[in-house]
N, C-alpha and C. Protein backbone atom coordinates (compact mmCIF):
# COMPACT_ATOMS: atom_id res chain seq x y z
N UNK A 1 -99.25 171.22 -26.06
CA UNK A 1 -99.05 171.78 -27.37
C UNK A 1 -100.38 172.44 -27.69
N UNK A 2 -100.28 173.69 -28.19
CA UNK A 2 -101.43 174.45 -28.65
C UNK A 2 -101.63 174.37 -30.15
N UNK A 3 -102.84 174.21 -30.57
CA UNK A 3 -103.13 174.10 -31.98
C UNK A 3 -104.05 175.28 -32.37
N UNK A 4 -103.65 175.97 -33.44
CA UNK A 4 -104.45 177.07 -34.01
C UNK A 4 -104.64 176.69 -35.48
N UNK A 5 -105.63 177.41 -36.10
CA UNK A 5 -105.80 177.20 -37.53
C UNK A 5 -106.14 178.57 -38.20
N UNK A 6 -105.58 178.68 -39.38
CA UNK A 6 -105.78 179.92 -40.13
C UNK A 6 -107.20 179.94 -40.71
N UNK A 7 -107.73 181.06 -40.95
CA UNK A 7 -109.06 181.15 -41.55
C UNK A 7 -109.21 180.41 -42.86
N UNK A 8 -108.16 180.51 -43.71
CA UNK A 8 -108.17 179.80 -44.99
C UNK A 8 -108.26 178.31 -44.75
N UNK A 9 -107.55 177.82 -43.70
CA UNK A 9 -107.56 176.40 -43.40
C UNK A 9 -108.99 175.96 -42.99
N UNK A 10 -109.65 176.78 -42.19
CA UNK A 10 -110.98 176.46 -41.73
C UNK A 10 -111.93 176.33 -42.90
N UNK A 11 -111.81 177.24 -43.90
CA UNK A 11 -112.66 177.25 -45.06
C UNK A 11 -112.42 175.95 -45.89
N UNK A 12 -111.14 175.64 -46.10
CA UNK A 12 -110.81 174.45 -46.88
C UNK A 12 -111.24 173.16 -46.12
N UNK A 13 -111.12 173.19 -44.80
CA UNK A 13 -111.47 172.06 -43.97
C UNK A 13 -113.03 171.80 -44.16
N UNK A 14 -113.81 172.83 -44.05
CA UNK A 14 -115.30 172.68 -44.11
C UNK A 14 -115.68 172.10 -45.52
N UNK A 15 -114.98 172.60 -46.56
CA UNK A 15 -115.27 172.13 -47.92
C UNK A 15 -114.94 170.70 -48.03
N UNK A 16 -113.80 170.23 -47.53
CA UNK A 16 -113.38 168.84 -47.62
C UNK A 16 -114.20 167.96 -46.73
N UNK A 17 -114.67 168.49 -45.60
CA UNK A 17 -115.48 167.72 -44.65
C UNK A 17 -116.81 167.24 -45.31
N UNK A 18 -117.32 168.04 -46.22
CA UNK A 18 -118.53 167.61 -46.95
C UNK A 18 -118.26 166.34 -47.76
N UNK A 19 -117.07 166.23 -48.30
CA UNK A 19 -116.68 165.06 -49.14
C UNK A 19 -116.27 163.88 -48.27
N UNK A 20 -115.43 164.17 -47.29
CA UNK A 20 -114.80 163.09 -46.42
C UNK A 20 -115.30 163.23 -45.06
N UNK A 21 -116.33 162.38 -44.71
CA UNK A 21 -117.01 162.53 -43.45
C UNK A 21 -116.15 162.13 -42.18
N UNK A 22 -115.03 161.45 -42.44
CA UNK A 22 -114.13 161.03 -41.31
C UNK A 22 -113.13 162.08 -40.98
N UNK A 23 -113.15 163.24 -41.66
CA UNK A 23 -112.04 164.18 -41.55
C UNK A 23 -111.87 164.75 -40.17
N UNK A 24 -112.91 164.98 -39.42
CA UNK A 24 -112.77 165.47 -38.06
C UNK A 24 -112.00 164.49 -37.23
N UNK A 25 -112.30 163.19 -37.27
CA UNK A 25 -111.59 162.18 -36.55
C UNK A 25 -110.15 162.07 -37.07
N UNK A 26 -109.94 162.15 -38.36
CA UNK A 26 -108.62 162.06 -38.95
C UNK A 26 -107.71 163.20 -38.46
N UNK A 27 -108.27 164.43 -38.30
CA UNK A 27 -107.49 165.56 -37.81
C UNK A 27 -107.12 165.35 -36.31
N UNK A 28 -108.04 164.82 -35.55
CA UNK A 28 -107.74 164.53 -34.12
C UNK A 28 -106.61 163.57 -34.02
N UNK A 29 -106.62 162.55 -34.80
CA UNK A 29 -105.47 161.54 -34.81
C UNK A 29 -104.18 162.23 -35.23
N UNK A 30 -104.28 163.05 -36.30
CA UNK A 30 -103.11 163.77 -36.76
C UNK A 30 -102.55 164.69 -35.65
N UNK A 31 -103.40 165.35 -34.94
CA UNK A 31 -102.90 166.18 -33.82
C UNK A 31 -102.18 165.40 -32.77
N UNK A 32 -102.70 164.23 -32.49
CA UNK A 32 -102.04 163.34 -31.50
C UNK A 32 -100.69 162.91 -31.98
N UNK A 33 -100.58 162.59 -33.27
CA UNK A 33 -99.21 162.21 -33.84
C UNK A 33 -98.26 163.41 -33.68
N UNK A 34 -98.68 164.61 -34.03
CA UNK A 34 -97.87 165.79 -33.95
C UNK A 34 -97.44 166.04 -32.46
N UNK A 35 -98.35 165.89 -31.55
CA UNK A 35 -98.02 166.04 -30.11
C UNK A 35 -96.94 165.01 -29.74
N UNK A 36 -97.10 163.78 -30.16
CA UNK A 36 -96.08 162.74 -29.86
C UNK A 36 -94.71 163.09 -30.50
N UNK A 37 -94.77 163.74 -31.67
CA UNK A 37 -93.62 164.09 -32.38
C UNK A 37 -92.73 165.12 -31.61
N UNK A 38 -93.44 166.04 -30.91
CA UNK A 38 -92.72 167.15 -30.27
C UNK A 38 -92.79 167.10 -28.74
N UNK A 39 -93.66 166.27 -28.12
CA UNK A 39 -93.81 166.20 -26.68
C UNK A 39 -93.84 164.83 -26.12
N UNK A 40 -93.10 163.93 -26.75
CA UNK A 40 -93.14 162.58 -26.18
C UNK A 40 -92.47 162.48 -24.83
N UNK A 41 -92.79 161.42 -24.07
CA UNK A 41 -92.23 161.25 -22.75
C UNK A 41 -90.72 161.03 -22.74
N UNK A 42 -90.28 160.11 -23.62
CA UNK A 42 -88.89 159.76 -23.66
C UNK A 42 -88.23 160.43 -24.83
N UNK A 43 -87.16 161.20 -24.54
CA UNK A 43 -86.53 162.00 -25.55
C UNK A 43 -85.93 161.10 -26.69
N UNK A 44 -85.36 159.99 -26.30
CA UNK A 44 -84.72 159.07 -27.30
C UNK A 44 -85.80 158.52 -28.20
N UNK A 45 -86.95 158.04 -27.66
CA UNK A 45 -88.01 157.55 -28.48
C UNK A 45 -88.60 158.60 -29.34
N UNK A 46 -88.71 159.82 -28.81
CA UNK A 46 -89.27 161.00 -29.62
C UNK A 46 -88.36 161.29 -30.74
N UNK A 47 -87.06 161.24 -30.61
CA UNK A 47 -86.11 161.48 -31.69
C UNK A 47 -86.19 160.38 -32.75
N UNK A 48 -86.33 159.16 -32.36
CA UNK A 48 -86.46 158.06 -33.28
C UNK A 48 -87.75 158.23 -34.12
N UNK A 49 -88.84 158.62 -33.43
CA UNK A 49 -90.10 158.81 -34.05
C UNK A 49 -90.05 159.97 -35.05
N UNK A 50 -89.33 161.00 -34.62
CA UNK A 50 -89.23 162.22 -35.48
C UNK A 50 -88.39 161.88 -36.74
N UNK A 51 -87.36 161.08 -36.59
CA UNK A 51 -86.48 160.72 -37.68
C UNK A 51 -87.27 159.84 -38.70
N UNK A 52 -88.06 158.92 -38.15
CA UNK A 52 -88.87 158.02 -38.98
C UNK A 52 -89.93 158.78 -39.70
N UNK A 53 -90.57 159.76 -39.04
CA UNK A 53 -91.59 160.60 -39.58
C UNK A 53 -91.04 161.47 -40.77
N UNK A 54 -89.94 162.00 -40.65
CA UNK A 54 -89.37 162.89 -41.70
C UNK A 54 -88.56 162.18 -42.75
N UNK A 55 -87.98 160.99 -42.44
CA UNK A 55 -87.23 160.17 -43.44
C UNK A 55 -88.12 159.50 -44.42
N UNK A 56 -89.27 159.13 -44.01
CA UNK A 56 -90.21 158.43 -44.96
C UNK A 56 -90.96 159.43 -45.87
N UNK A 57 -92.06 158.99 -46.31
CA UNK A 57 -92.90 159.85 -47.21
C UNK A 57 -93.98 160.54 -46.40
N UNK A 58 -93.91 160.53 -45.05
CA UNK A 58 -94.98 161.07 -44.22
C UNK A 58 -94.94 162.66 -44.18
N UNK A 59 -93.72 163.20 -44.11
CA UNK A 59 -93.66 164.69 -44.01
C UNK A 59 -92.29 165.19 -44.54
N UNK A 60 -92.30 166.47 -44.87
CA UNK A 60 -91.12 167.11 -45.27
C UNK A 60 -91.13 168.58 -44.77
N UNK A 61 -89.94 169.10 -44.52
CA UNK A 61 -89.84 170.48 -44.14
C UNK A 61 -89.88 171.34 -45.36
N UNK A 62 -90.85 172.22 -45.42
CA UNK A 62 -90.94 173.10 -46.62
C UNK A 62 -90.00 174.23 -46.51
N UNK A 63 -89.99 174.95 -45.39
CA UNK A 63 -89.08 176.06 -45.13
C UNK A 63 -88.97 176.32 -43.66
N UNK A 64 -87.85 177.00 -43.38
CA UNK A 64 -87.60 177.33 -41.97
C UNK A 64 -87.23 178.85 -41.90
N UNK A 65 -87.81 179.56 -40.93
CA UNK A 65 -87.48 180.98 -40.81
C UNK A 65 -86.41 181.18 -39.76
N UNK A 66 -85.97 182.42 -39.68
CA UNK A 66 -85.00 182.78 -38.68
C UNK A 66 -85.51 182.82 -37.25
N UNK A 67 -86.86 182.88 -37.14
CA UNK A 67 -87.49 183.01 -35.80
C UNK A 67 -87.83 181.61 -35.25
N UNK A 68 -87.11 180.56 -35.61
CA UNK A 68 -87.41 179.22 -35.17
C UNK A 68 -88.80 178.76 -35.52
N UNK A 69 -89.28 179.14 -36.69
CA UNK A 69 -90.55 178.66 -37.15
C UNK A 69 -90.21 177.66 -38.31
N UNK A 70 -90.92 176.60 -38.32
CA UNK A 70 -90.73 175.60 -39.37
C UNK A 70 -92.08 175.31 -40.06
N UNK A 71 -92.10 175.38 -41.37
CA UNK A 71 -93.28 175.07 -42.15
C UNK A 71 -93.09 173.60 -42.59
N UNK A 72 -94.07 172.74 -42.34
CA UNK A 72 -94.00 171.37 -42.65
C UNK A 72 -95.16 170.96 -43.45
N UNK A 73 -94.94 170.10 -44.52
CA UNK A 73 -96.01 169.56 -45.28
C UNK A 73 -96.07 168.07 -44.95
N UNK A 74 -97.23 167.57 -44.61
CA UNK A 74 -97.38 166.20 -44.13
C UNK A 74 -98.57 165.54 -44.82
N UNK A 75 -98.51 164.25 -44.86
CA UNK A 75 -99.63 163.43 -45.39
C UNK A 75 -100.64 163.30 -44.22
N UNK A 76 -101.89 163.43 -44.66
CA UNK A 76 -102.98 163.28 -43.69
C UNK A 76 -103.77 162.01 -44.12
N UNK A 77 -103.70 160.98 -43.29
CA UNK A 77 -104.45 159.77 -43.56
C UNK A 77 -105.94 160.05 -43.40
N UNK A 78 -106.71 159.65 -44.37
CA UNK A 78 -108.19 159.88 -44.27
C UNK A 78 -108.87 158.54 -44.54
N UNK A 79 -109.79 158.17 -43.65
CA UNK A 79 -110.46 156.87 -43.79
C UNK A 79 -111.33 156.76 -45.04
N UNK A 80 -111.76 157.89 -45.60
CA UNK A 80 -112.64 157.89 -46.76
C UNK A 80 -111.85 157.78 -48.09
N UNK A 81 -110.51 157.93 -48.02
CA UNK A 81 -109.74 157.93 -49.30
C UNK A 81 -109.12 156.52 -49.50
N UNK A 82 -109.01 156.10 -50.67
CA UNK A 82 -108.38 154.84 -50.93
C UNK A 82 -106.97 155.04 -51.46
N UNK A 83 -106.81 155.54 -52.65
CA UNK A 83 -105.51 155.77 -53.23
C UNK A 83 -105.03 157.24 -53.22
N UNK A 84 -105.98 158.14 -53.09
CA UNK A 84 -105.63 159.56 -53.01
C UNK A 84 -105.16 159.86 -51.53
N UNK A 85 -104.61 160.97 -51.42
CA UNK A 85 -104.22 161.38 -50.03
C UNK A 85 -104.34 162.91 -49.90
N UNK A 86 -104.61 163.29 -48.65
CA UNK A 86 -104.67 164.69 -48.34
C UNK A 86 -103.35 165.21 -47.84
N UNK A 87 -103.07 166.46 -48.06
CA UNK A 87 -101.80 167.10 -47.50
C UNK A 87 -102.23 168.18 -46.59
N UNK A 88 -101.45 168.35 -45.58
CA UNK A 88 -101.69 169.40 -44.59
C UNK A 88 -100.39 170.18 -44.39
N UNK A 89 -100.49 171.44 -44.39
CA UNK A 89 -99.37 172.32 -44.11
C UNK A 89 -99.52 172.99 -42.76
N UNK A 90 -98.48 172.83 -41.97
CA UNK A 90 -98.60 173.51 -40.61
C UNK A 90 -97.23 174.20 -40.32
N UNK A 91 -97.32 175.12 -39.39
CA UNK A 91 -96.12 175.81 -38.94
C UNK A 91 -95.94 175.48 -37.42
N UNK A 92 -94.72 175.04 -37.11
CA UNK A 92 -94.37 174.73 -35.73
C UNK A 92 -93.55 175.93 -35.21
N UNK A 93 -93.93 176.45 -34.09
CA UNK A 93 -93.23 177.52 -33.44
C UNK A 93 -93.31 177.31 -31.97
N UNK A 94 -92.21 177.05 -31.34
CA UNK A 94 -92.05 176.68 -29.94
C UNK A 94 -93.08 175.69 -29.53
N UNK A 95 -94.14 176.06 -28.72
CA UNK A 95 -95.14 175.14 -28.36
C UNK A 95 -96.53 175.24 -29.06
N UNK A 96 -96.47 175.88 -30.17
CA UNK A 96 -97.72 176.19 -30.97
C UNK A 96 -97.64 175.61 -32.39
N UNK A 97 -98.69 174.97 -32.81
CA UNK A 97 -98.83 174.45 -34.16
C UNK A 97 -99.97 175.25 -34.81
N UNK A 98 -99.70 175.86 -35.97
CA UNK A 98 -100.72 176.58 -36.68
C UNK A 98 -100.99 175.85 -38.00
N UNK A 99 -102.24 175.32 -38.16
CA UNK A 99 -102.58 174.67 -39.39
C UNK A 99 -102.93 175.72 -40.39
N UNK A 100 -102.26 175.73 -41.54
CA UNK A 100 -102.48 176.81 -42.50
C UNK A 100 -103.09 176.39 -43.84
N UNK A 101 -102.98 175.10 -44.22
CA UNK A 101 -103.55 174.63 -45.48
C UNK A 101 -103.86 173.13 -45.42
N UNK A 102 -104.94 172.76 -46.09
CA UNK A 102 -105.24 171.34 -46.25
C UNK A 102 -105.79 171.20 -47.70
N UNK A 103 -105.30 170.16 -48.41
CA UNK A 103 -105.78 169.94 -49.80
C UNK A 103 -105.64 168.53 -50.18
N UNK A 104 -106.42 168.17 -51.21
CA UNK A 104 -106.36 166.84 -51.82
C UNK A 104 -105.30 166.86 -52.89
N UNK A 105 -104.38 165.96 -52.80
CA UNK A 105 -103.24 165.95 -53.78
C UNK A 105 -103.71 165.81 -55.22
N UNK A 106 -104.81 165.08 -55.40
CA UNK A 106 -105.29 164.84 -56.78
C UNK A 106 -105.87 166.09 -57.40
N UNK A 107 -106.27 167.08 -56.54
CA UNK A 107 -106.90 168.32 -57.02
C UNK A 107 -105.89 169.44 -57.05
N UNK A 108 -104.87 169.40 -56.25
CA UNK A 108 -103.90 170.44 -56.20
C UNK A 108 -102.53 169.85 -55.92
N UNK A 109 -101.55 170.08 -56.77
CA UNK A 109 -100.29 169.45 -56.63
C UNK A 109 -99.37 170.03 -55.64
N UNK A 110 -99.37 171.37 -55.48
CA UNK A 110 -98.41 172.10 -54.66
C UNK A 110 -99.08 172.90 -53.57
N UNK A 111 -98.34 173.12 -52.53
CA UNK A 111 -98.79 174.04 -51.46
C UNK A 111 -98.78 175.45 -51.90
N UNK A 112 -99.45 176.29 -51.18
CA UNK A 112 -99.48 177.72 -51.53
C UNK A 112 -98.32 178.44 -50.78
N UNK A 113 -97.25 178.65 -51.55
CA UNK A 113 -95.98 179.20 -50.92
C UNK A 113 -96.20 180.62 -50.48
N UNK A 114 -97.08 181.39 -51.07
CA UNK A 114 -97.36 182.73 -50.63
C UNK A 114 -98.05 182.70 -49.28
N UNK A 115 -98.94 181.83 -49.07
CA UNK A 115 -99.64 181.69 -47.82
C UNK A 115 -98.64 181.29 -46.71
N UNK A 116 -97.72 180.38 -46.99
CA UNK A 116 -96.70 180.01 -46.00
C UNK A 116 -95.85 181.20 -45.65
N UNK A 117 -95.45 182.00 -46.64
CA UNK A 117 -94.61 183.20 -46.38
C UNK A 117 -95.40 184.17 -45.46
N UNK A 118 -96.67 184.33 -45.67
CA UNK A 118 -97.49 185.22 -44.86
C UNK A 118 -97.49 184.78 -43.41
N UNK A 119 -97.58 183.48 -43.14
CA UNK A 119 -97.67 182.99 -41.80
C UNK A 119 -96.33 182.86 -41.11
N UNK A 120 -95.32 182.85 -41.91
CA UNK A 120 -93.95 182.80 -41.28
C UNK A 120 -93.56 184.26 -40.90
C-alpha cells in the first residue's frame, strides 16, 4: 500500500507535531492499521476487522466518488492526548492512500469538505 500526503496535510502535521511529540509514531501505527484494513493476509479476518473498524466510533466514510475513491474520516490515537482526539481524513483509491487533513477535534469540529472535493 502506498501512502501520500497533501501539502495542506504536511503543514497541519508539522504544526501539531510541535504540540504532540508522539505524533510521528502515532501516524506510523495508524498506517499499519490502514494496511491491515485493506491488505490483510486472510480475507475473512480482514472483512471482520473492516466491519469492526467502521461500525464503531473509529471511522466513517465521508463520501465516495464514481472513480472508486473513498474519503474516510478516522480517529487518530495520540499518546499525548488524554480526553481529546485527533481526526485524520484520507482518500483510499485502489492501492494508494492519500492523507489530506489532520486536526484536533477540540479546535475544529468538522472536516474541510471543499478540500475533500478537490482531492476526489
